[in-house]
């Protein structure tokens, strides 16, 4: 299956080893992948806090590993907001 991934803000700085920096990219994944597995593949879970959006809906951290991905899905990763 093919999933579109967008990275907002500085999320690209936290990509895992071997993954080139990108702002938006399509990924070919196995049919049984979950959002949590994608997070692990990109390296975010161990590197920084983030918010995940799946087809426009926020996904809580507690359900990342049980959120299935499907062909044509769009995933957006947002860094934590900081203000002053």
Protein backbone atom coordinates (compact mmCIF):
# COMPACT_ATOMS: atom_id res chain seq x y z
CA UNK A 1 0.00 0.00 0.00
CA UNK A 2 1.06 3.60 -0.50
CA UNK A 3 0.71 6.19 2.29
CA UNK A 4 1.42 9.91 1.98
CA UNK A 5 3.42 11.40 4.88
CA UNK A 6 3.84 15.13 5.58
CA UNK A 7 6.20 16.56 8.16
CA UNK A 8 5.45 19.99 9.61
CA UNK A 9 7.88 22.31 11.33
CA UNK A 10 11.15 20.75 12.38
CA UNK A 11 9.94 17.11 12.40
CA UNK A 12 12.36 16.27 9.56
CA UNK A 13 15.23 16.90 11.97
CA UNK A 14 14.18 13.83 14.00
CA UNK A 15 14.06 11.27 11.19
CA UNK A 16 15.84 8.03 11.91
CA UNK A 17 19.13 6.93 10.41
CA UNK A 18 18.99 6.18 6.70
CA UNK A 19 15.89 8.26 5.99
CA UNK A 20 16.55 11.35 3.88
CA UNK A 21 14.97 14.62 5.01
CA UNK A 22 11.65 15.36 3.34
CA UNK A 23 8.61 17.58 3.77
CA UNK A 24 6.14 15.30 1.98
CA UNK A 25 6.70 11.84 0.58
CA UNK A 26 4.81 8.71 -0.38
CA UNK A 27 5.87 5.48 1.34
CA UNK A 28 5.20 1.95 0.13
CA UNK A 29 4.34 -0.15 3.19
CA UNK A 30 3.20 -3.70 3.85
CA UNK A 31 -0.59 -4.08 3.90
CA UNK A 32 -0.79 -4.81 7.63
CA UNK A 33 1.16 -1.77 8.90
CA UNK A 34 -0.08 0.40 11.74
CA UNK A 35 0.53 4.06 12.39
CA UNK A 36 2.74 3.06 15.32
CA UNK A 37 4.94 0.98 13.04
CA UNK A 38 5.31 3.96 10.70
CA UNK A 39 6.24 6.17 13.67
CA UNK A 40 8.92 3.65 14.66
CA UNK A 41 10.21 3.39 11.08
CA UNK A 42 10.60 7.17 10.91
CA UNK A 43 12.29 7.21 14.33
CA UNK A 44 10.00 9.73 16.04
CA UNK A 45 8.87 7.73 19.05
CA UNK A 46 12.30 7.67 20.67
CA UNK A 47 13.49 11.10 19.48
CA UNK A 48 10.83 13.73 20.18
CA UNK A 49 7.28 14.46 21.17
CA UNK A 50 4.86 14.86 18.27
CA UNK A 51 1.22 14.86 17.30
CA UNK A 52 0.03 12.48 14.59
CA UNK A 53 -2.86 13.20 12.25
CA UNK A 54 -4.39 10.38 10.22
CA UNK A 55 -6.68 11.42 7.37
CA UNK A 56 -7.33 14.72 9.13
CA UNK A 57 -8.04 13.29 12.59
CA UNK A 58 -5.71 13.51 15.57
CA UNK A 59 -4.48 10.13 16.81
CA UNK A 60 -3.75 9.80 20.51
CA UNK A 61 -0.42 8.26 21.49
CA UNK A 62 -2.27 5.46 23.27
CA UNK A 63 -3.76 4.13 20.00
CA UNK A 64 -0.86 4.61 17.56
CA UNK A 65 -0.07 0.88 17.64
CA UNK A 66 -3.65 -0.15 16.93
CA UNK A 67 -4.44 2.38 14.18
CA UNK A 68 -4.29 0.52 10.86
CA UNK A 69 -3.04 2.22 7.73
CA UNK A 70 -4.69 1.74 4.33
CA UNK A 71 -3.73 2.49 0.76
CA UNK A 72 -4.15 6.20 0.03
CA UNK A 73 -4.07 7.35 3.66
CA UNK A 74 -2.51 10.66 4.56
CA UNK A 75 -0.45 11.02 7.72
CA UNK A 76 0.82 14.33 9.09
CA UNK A 77 3.32 14.68 11.92
CA UNK A 78 3.30 17.92 13.87
CA UNK A 79 5.98 18.97 16.38
CA UNK A 80 4.99 20.13 19.85
CA UNK A 81 3.84 23.73 19.90
CA UNK A 82 5.88 26.17 21.89
CA UNK A 83 4.83 29.66 22.71
CA UNK A 84 5.80 32.60 24.72
